[in-house]
C-alpha cells in the first residue's frame, strides 16, 4: 500500500503544475498512411493491405477527448495543456520501461468511467509522435471495445474477428497517420473476454508480436480491474501495469487490493479528472 500511496501523491503533485496554453491549429482530415511490410521473425513477410489504413475523423477524436492528429503533427484538441501533460507522462513511462527492459504495458483502472482508454490512446499518440517510439496499441477491453470507434467514429473489426478466422491480422491492424503507431482494435463485443484473452492463440500472438517488433512497445488497454478477472488473468503475460484512477473516486480498499495484485509490476498511477486549475 505504501508504494501506491506514494505514487498517488506524486500523481497529484504532477497535476498541480500550471501549463500555459498554446494556440490550437485547425484540424484537417488526415490522408491514409501506408503501412510498411514486416516480417514475423521466421522470414515470412507480411504485407499490410489497404484495409490496414484508416481515415481519421477529427470530430470523433474531439468527442472522445483525444489529441487530434494532423499528418505527422498532433494538434491539441482538448484544453491547451493536455498535449504537454501527455508528453511528460510519456517521457516518464518510456524512461521506466527502458530502464527495466520492459516491452509490454497493461493500462487499467478500478472501474468504468475513470478514463483509462482515453489516456491509453493519448499516451500512444504522444509516445509515437514526440518521443519517436514505435508502438502498438491493442484493445483488450473486449466486453466494451472502443479504440477503433474513438479514431473513426464507427465500430471496426479487430481481434475477435481475427480469432474467429474471419479476417487476417494484417487486415485489422490500423495505421492512424503516424508512421510509428499501429492499432489493433478489439472488434465486436464478447461476454467471454477472459476466456478469449487466455486462449492459446491470443497468448501465442502476443509473444509473436513482441518478437516481430523488437523495438516496439505494446500498450494493452485492459478492462477495469474490478469488473472481472481479465486483468488478473493477463498479469503473468505483461511486463508492467499502469493504474488510472479518477480523482475522488478510488477507495483505499481498492488501492490495497491493486497493490496486492500488481506487486512490483505496478509502473505507477495516473490521477485523472483532477480538480486543478488550467492557466487562462
Foldseek 3Di string as FASTA:
>chain_A
DVVQVVLVVVQVVLVQDADAFDDFDDADKFDWDAADWFDLLPPDIDHQDPLQTDIFDQVLLLVLLAFGDDQLDTGGSHTRCVLVSLLVVLVLLVVVCVVVVFFEEEEAEQAPPLCRVRSLRNNLSNCVRPVVAQEEEEELAQQDWCPVCSGHVDADAFDVCCVVVNDPRSNQWYDHNRRRYIYTTNGHHDPPSQCVCPDPVNLVVVVSVCVRCVRYHYYYHHYHVPPDCNCLSCLVSGQAYEYEGEPPPDDPVSVVVVCVRGPPRYSGYNYPPDPYDHDD
